[in-house]
């Protein structure tokens, strides 16, 4: 395995610390990390933030210093910060980016596509192996079961998550829509709410729960009048996403510019 220089955006956050730890455990170098201006963690050693021995690399404000010398930029932050970083990475010589940020608008998705013309970008709503296998199963089930089968996506996350439905839920919804040969925008239903909130036949519904410290639960149900098929995944440790992201980074570092997802990384 080639040892890579990895830089982590939001390195002091819950996911950022997991990414630093996973990269270190995989034998890669941490060349930089970023935090928002004014963060109390600026100047702190990335190893110490991640519960490791100091590694001699500290958190910087913004990504200009953090990205210097990196082979791969790993970003699980917020859309505005991620888009700014993607626009600047080529000038810093960074070859690839791993994007785990969710909640992008349609226009922002277009910006990511444009950025991928200059660097390799792996973008996924979820980096766990199990979820990506679930995605493939959902696509297959939707293609085999007729439109008389209702499709519902239920997701539960911790009470501090800001976007809804989750990126993973939308990823699963997109897989179901692909199985039915249509874009999700044509099949997605709004939240069930109010006195006239009946279900539209053939559409894909989403339900969201935010409670406690749940890392991530996702379930897709296919229901007919006679039976229900349920496919689900439960994350037990946030580290599963970090280890998947590092695998994606190792893969992306060898790719040509383009926009990829975890199905490309895993060959699913």
Protein backbone atom coordinates (compact mmCIF):
# COMPACT_ATOMS: atom_id res chain seq x y z
CA UNK A 1 0.00 0.00 0.00
CA UNK A 2 1.24 3.48 -0.88
CA UNK A 3 1.47 5.78 2.12
CA UNK A 4 -0.59 8.89 1.43
CA UNK A 5 -0.70 12.37 2.90
CA UNK A 6 -4.26 13.01 4.03
CA UNK A 7 -5.84 16.25 5.19
CA UNK A 8 -9.06 16.28 7.20
CA UNK A 9 -11.60 19.10 7.21
CA UNK A 10 -13.31 19.74 10.54
CA UNK A 11 -10.59 17.71 12.23
CA UNK A 12 -11.81 18.44 15.77
CA UNK A 13 -15.40 17.39 15.18
CA UNK A 14 -16.79 13.97 16.05
CA UNK A 15 -16.35 12.67 12.52
CA UNK A 16 -13.09 14.55 11.96
CA UNK A 17 -11.46 12.88 14.96
CA UNK A 18 -12.58 9.47 13.73
CA UNK A 19 -11.11 10.21 10.29
CA UNK A 20 -7.77 11.27 11.76
CA UNK A 21 -7.64 8.13 13.86
CA UNK A 22 -8.62 5.85 10.97
CA UNK A 23 -6.03 7.40 8.62
CA UNK A 24 -3.32 7.02 11.25
CA UNK A 25 -4.27 3.42 12.00
CA UNK A 26 -4.18 2.63 8.28
CA UNK A 27 -0.57 3.81 8.12
CA UNK A 28 -1.11 7.13 6.33
CA UNK A 29 0.35 10.52 7.21
CA UNK A 30 -1.82 13.40 8.39
CA UNK A 31 -0.49 16.40 6.51
CA UNK A 32 -3.09 18.85 7.77
CA UNK A 33 -6.43 19.53 9.34
CA UNK A 34 -8.82 22.46 9.28
CA UNK A 35 -11.19 24.04 11.78
CA UNK A 36 -13.46 27.07 11.55
CA UNK A 37 -11.87 30.46 12.38
CA UNK A 38 -12.20 31.15 16.09
CA UNK A 39 -12.39 27.48 17.08
CA UNK A 40 -10.87 26.70 20.47
CA UNK A 41 -9.09 23.76 18.81
CA UNK A 42 -6.95 25.81 16.43
CA UNK A 43 -3.27 25.00 16.92
CA UNK A 44 -3.99 21.73 18.70
CA UNK A 45 -2.23 18.55 17.56
CA UNK A 46 -4.44 16.32 15.38
CA UNK A 47 -3.21 13.19 17.13
CA UNK A 48 -4.13 14.57 20.54
CA UNK A 49 -7.58 15.61 19.29
CA UNK A 50 -8.16 12.05 18.06
CA UNK A 51 -7.01 10.44 21.32
CA UNK A 52 -3.63 9.40 19.89
CA UNK A 53 -0.08 10.37 20.68
CA UNK A 54 0.87 13.79 19.20
CA UNK A 55 1.80 13.52 15.52
CA UNK A 56 3.25 16.99 14.96
CA UNK A 57 0.43 18.31 12.75
CA UNK A 58 -1.96 20.93 14.08
CA UNK A 59 -5.41 22.28 13.20
CA UNK A 60 -5.41 25.38 10.99
CA UNK A 61 -8.11 27.96 10.33
CA UNK A 62 -9.58 27.26 6.90
CA UNK A 63 -8.16 24.90 4.34
CA UNK A 64 -5.32 26.79 2.62
CA UNK A 65 -2.68 25.76 5.16
CA UNK A 66 -4.37 22.46 5.97
CA UNK A 67 -4.42 21.33 2.36
CA UNK A 68 -0.80 22.03 1.48
CA UNK A 69 1.13 18.85 0.75
CA UNK A 70 -1.95 16.62 0.85
CA UNK A 71 -2.65 13.87 -1.66
CA UNK A 72 -6.27 13.56 -0.58
CA UNK A 73 -8.67 15.99 1.14
CA UNK A 74 -11.38 14.38 3.29
CA UNK A 75 -14.40 16.55 4.01
CA UNK A 76 -17.41 15.72 6.22
CA UNK A 77 -18.42 19.28 7.11
CA UNK A 78 -21.13 21.58 5.70
CA UNK A 79 -21.98 22.34 2.06
CA UNK A 80 -20.61 25.91 1.94
CA UNK A 81 -17.25 24.88 3.44
CA UNK A 82 -16.96 21.80 1.25
CA UNK A 83 -17.67 23.72 -1.96
CA UNK A 84 -15.09 26.37 -1.08
CA UNK A 85 -12.49 23.67 -0.42
CA UNK A 86 -13.21 21.84 -3.68
CA UNK A 87 -12.69 25.06 -5.62
CA UNK A 88 -9.27 25.60 -4.03
CA UNK A 89 -7.81 22.08 -3.96
CA UNK A 90 -6.37 22.01 -7.51
CA UNK A 91 -4.29 25.14 -6.81
CA UNK A 92 -2.80 23.37 -3.77
CA UNK A 93 -1.83 20.30 -5.79
CA UNK A 94 -4.33 17.98 -4.10
CA UNK A 95 -5.18 15.03 -6.36
CA UNK A 96 -8.45 13.80 -4.88
CA UNK A 97 -11.23 14.59 -2.45
CA UNK A 98 -13.55 12.43 -0.37
CA UNK A 99 -16.87 14.16 0.28
CA UNK A 100 -19.11 12.88 3.05
CA UNK A 101 -20.92 16.18 3.51
CA UNK A 102 -24.68 15.98 2.93
CA UNK A 103 -27.49 18.48 2.40
CA UNK A 104 -26.37 19.94 -0.95
CA UNK A 105 -28.88 21.77 -3.12
CA UNK A 106 -29.32 20.94 -6.80
CA UNK A 107 -27.20 23.93 -7.79
CA UNK A 108 -24.48 22.88 -5.36
CA UNK A 109 -24.47 19.37 -6.81
CA UNK A 110 -23.74 20.98 -10.18
CA UNK A 111 -20.76 22.81 -8.65
CA UNK A 112 -19.38 19.50 -7.37
CA UNK A 113 -19.73 18.00 -10.83
CA UNK A 114 -17.76 20.92 -12.28
CA UNK A 115 -15.07 20.53 -9.61
CA UNK A 116 -14.69 16.86 -10.55
CA UNK A 117 -13.41 17.91 -13.97
CA UNK A 118 -10.17 18.95 -12.24
CA UNK A 119 -9.73 16.34 -9.48
CA UNK A 120 -11.05 12.89 -8.58
CA UNK A 121 -13.98 13.22 -6.17
CA UNK A 122 -15.65 10.36 -4.35
CA UNK A 123 -18.99 11.58 -2.99
CA UNK A 124 -21.29 9.36 -0.96
CA UNK A 125 -24.10 9.79 1.52
CA UNK A 126 -22.63 6.94 3.52
CA UNK A 127 -19.21 5.26 3.50
CA UNK A 128 -19.99 2.00 5.26
CA UNK A 129 -19.70 -1.26 3.33
CA UNK A 130 -23.01 -2.50 4.75
CA UNK A 131 -24.97 0.54 3.61
CA UNK A 132 -23.55 0.34 0.11
CA UNK A 133 -24.54 -3.32 -0.10
CA UNK A 134 -27.98 -2.29 1.17
CA UNK A 135 -28.18 0.28 -1.63
CA UNK A 136 -27.58 -2.45 -4.22
CA UNK A 137 -30.25 -4.67 -2.64
CA UNK A 138 -32.77 -1.82 -2.60
CA UNK A 139 -32.16 -1.11 -6.28
CA UNK A 140 -32.65 -4.79 -7.12
CA UNK A 141 -35.81 -5.14 -5.04
CA UNK A 142 -37.36 -2.03 -6.58
CA UNK A 143 -36.66 -3.35 -10.06
CA UNK A 144 -38.30 -6.70 -9.30
CA UNK A 145 -41.38 -5.52 -7.38
CA UNK A 146 -44.09 -3.66 -9.26
CA UNK A 147 -45.38 -0.15 -8.64
CA UNK A 148 -48.22 -1.59 -6.56
CA UNK A 149 -45.58 -2.12 -3.86
CA UNK A 150 -45.23 0.97 -1.67
CA UNK A 151 -41.66 2.06 -0.90
CA UNK A 152 -40.92 3.85 2.38
CA UNK A 153 -37.54 5.00 3.67
CA UNK A 154 -37.19 5.49 7.44
CA UNK A 155 -34.09 6.98 9.02
CA UNK A 156 -33.09 7.80 12.59
CA UNK A 157 -30.12 9.92 13.66
CA UNK A 158 -28.84 11.78 16.71
CA UNK A 159 -30.57 14.96 17.81
CA UNK A 160 -27.77 17.23 16.55
CA UNK A 161 -28.00 16.30 12.86
CA UNK A 162 -29.11 19.31 10.84
CA UNK A 163 -30.17 17.98 7.40
CA UNK A 164 -33.19 15.78 6.76
CA UNK A 165 -33.74 13.31 5.26
CA UNK A 166 -30.19 12.12 5.75
CA UNK A 167 -27.82 11.77 2.83
CA UNK A 168 -27.99 8.01 3.27
CA UNK A 169 -31.79 8.00 3.18
CA UNK A 170 -31.73 10.00 -0.04
CA UNK A 171 -29.09 7.66 -1.46
CA UNK A 172 -31.38 4.69 -0.73
CA UNK A 173 -34.34 6.56 -2.19
CA UNK A 174 -32.37 7.25 -5.35
CA UNK A 175 -31.48 3.55 -5.59
CA UNK A 176 -35.16 2.62 -5.30
CA UNK A 177 -36.09 5.18 -7.96
CA UNK A 178 -33.37 3.87 -10.27
CA UNK A 179 -34.80 0.39 -9.80
CA UNK A 180 -38.10 1.73 -11.08
CA UNK A 181 -36.43 3.51 -13.98
CA UNK A 182 -37.19 7.06 -12.88
CA UNK A 183 -35.38 9.91 -11.11
CA UNK A 184 -36.10 10.34 -7.42
CA UNK A 185 -37.40 13.85 -8.09
CA UNK A 186 -40.31 12.28 -9.99
CA UNK A 187 -41.18 9.77 -7.24
CA UNK A 188 -40.35 11.46 -3.94
CA UNK A 189 -43.27 12.35 -1.69
CA UNK A 190 -43.26 15.16 0.81
CA UNK A 191 -43.75 14.53 4.55
CA UNK A 192 -47.08 13.08 5.62
CA UNK A 193 -48.72 15.96 7.46
CA UNK A 194 -52.18 17.46 7.74
CA UNK A 195 -55.74 16.28 7.23
CA UNK A 196 -55.22 15.29 3.57
CA UNK A 197 -51.87 13.49 3.69
CA UNK A 198 -52.77 10.25 1.98
CA UNK A 199 -50.14 8.22 0.22
CA UNK A 200 -49.79 8.53 -3.55
CA UNK A 201 -49.50 5.15 -5.33
CA UNK A 202 -46.09 4.43 -6.86
CA UNK A 203 -44.30 7.16 -4.93
CA UNK A 204 -41.39 6.89 -2.46
CA UNK A 205 -42.04 8.20 1.04
CA UNK A 206 -39.53 9.35 3.66
CA UNK A 207 -39.83 9.43 7.44
CA UNK A 208 -37.30 11.08 9.75
CA UNK A 209 -36.57 10.67 13.47
CA UNK A 210 -34.04 12.65 15.52
CA UNK A 211 -33.38 11.34 18.99
CA UNK A 212 -30.58 10.94 21.53
CA UNK A 213 -27.19 9.79 20.29
CA UNK A 214 -28.26 7.41 17.51
CA UNK A 215 -25.40 7.06 15.02
CA UNK A 216 -27.56 5.98 12.10
CA UNK A 217 -30.45 3.59 11.45
CA UNK A 218 -31.93 3.15 7.97
CA UNK A 219 -34.76 0.92 6.80
CA UNK A 220 -36.42 0.57 3.41
CA UNK A 221 -39.76 -1.23 3.28
CA UNK A 222 -41.58 -2.59 0.25
CA UNK A 223 -45.23 -3.17 1.04
CA UNK A 224 -48.10 -4.77 -0.86
CA UNK A 225 -51.59 -5.48 0.43
CA UNK A 226 -50.44 -8.98 1.37
CA UNK A 227 -46.85 -8.68 2.62
CA UNK A 228 -43.98 -6.39 3.57
CA UNK A 229 -40.29 -6.79 2.78
CA UNK A 230 -37.86 -4.80 4.96
CA UNK A 231 -34.18 -4.12 4.30
CA UNK A 232 -32.24 -2.32 7.03
CA UNK A 233 -28.86 -1.26 8.38
CA UNK A 234 -27.76 -0.11 11.83
CA UNK A 235 -24.44 1.62 12.47
CA UNK A 236 -22.99 0.60 15.85
CA UNK A 237 -19.85 2.74 15.75
CA UNK A 238 -19.08 5.96 13.88
CA UNK A 239 -15.69 4.45 13.01
CA UNK A 240 -17.34 2.39 10.26
CA UNK A 241 -17.81 5.56 8.19
CA UNK A 242 -14.25 6.74 8.80
CA UNK A 243 -12.67 3.44 7.77
CA UNK A 244 -14.78 3.40 4.61
CA UNK A 245 -13.70 6.96 3.80
CA UNK A 246 -10.04 6.02 4.15
CA UNK A 247 -10.54 3.09 1.77
CA UNK A 248 -12.16 5.52 -0.65
CA UNK A 249 -9.21 7.90 -0.28
CA UNK A 250 -6.73 5.13 -1.10
CA UNK A 251 -8.72 4.31 -4.22
CA UNK A 252 -9.32 7.91 -5.32
CA UNK A 253 -5.64 8.84 -5.13
CA UNK A 254 -4.99 6.65 -8.19
CA UNK A 255 -7.95 7.82 -10.30
CA UNK A 256 -8.32 10.35 -13.06
CA UNK A 257 -10.51 13.44 -12.46
CA UNK A 258 -14.17 12.53 -12.29
CA UNK A 259 -17.11 12.15 -9.93
CA UNK A 260 -17.32 8.72 -8.29
CA UNK A 261 -19.26 7.03 -5.50
CA UNK A 262 -18.73 4.06 -3.20
CA UNK A 263 -20.09 1.63 -5.75
CA UNK A 264 -17.08 2.55 -7.90
CA UNK A 265 -14.72 2.09 -4.95
CA UNK A 266 -16.18 -1.27 -3.93
CA UNK A 267 -17.04 -2.54 -7.41
CA UNK A 268 -20.61 -3.23 -6.24
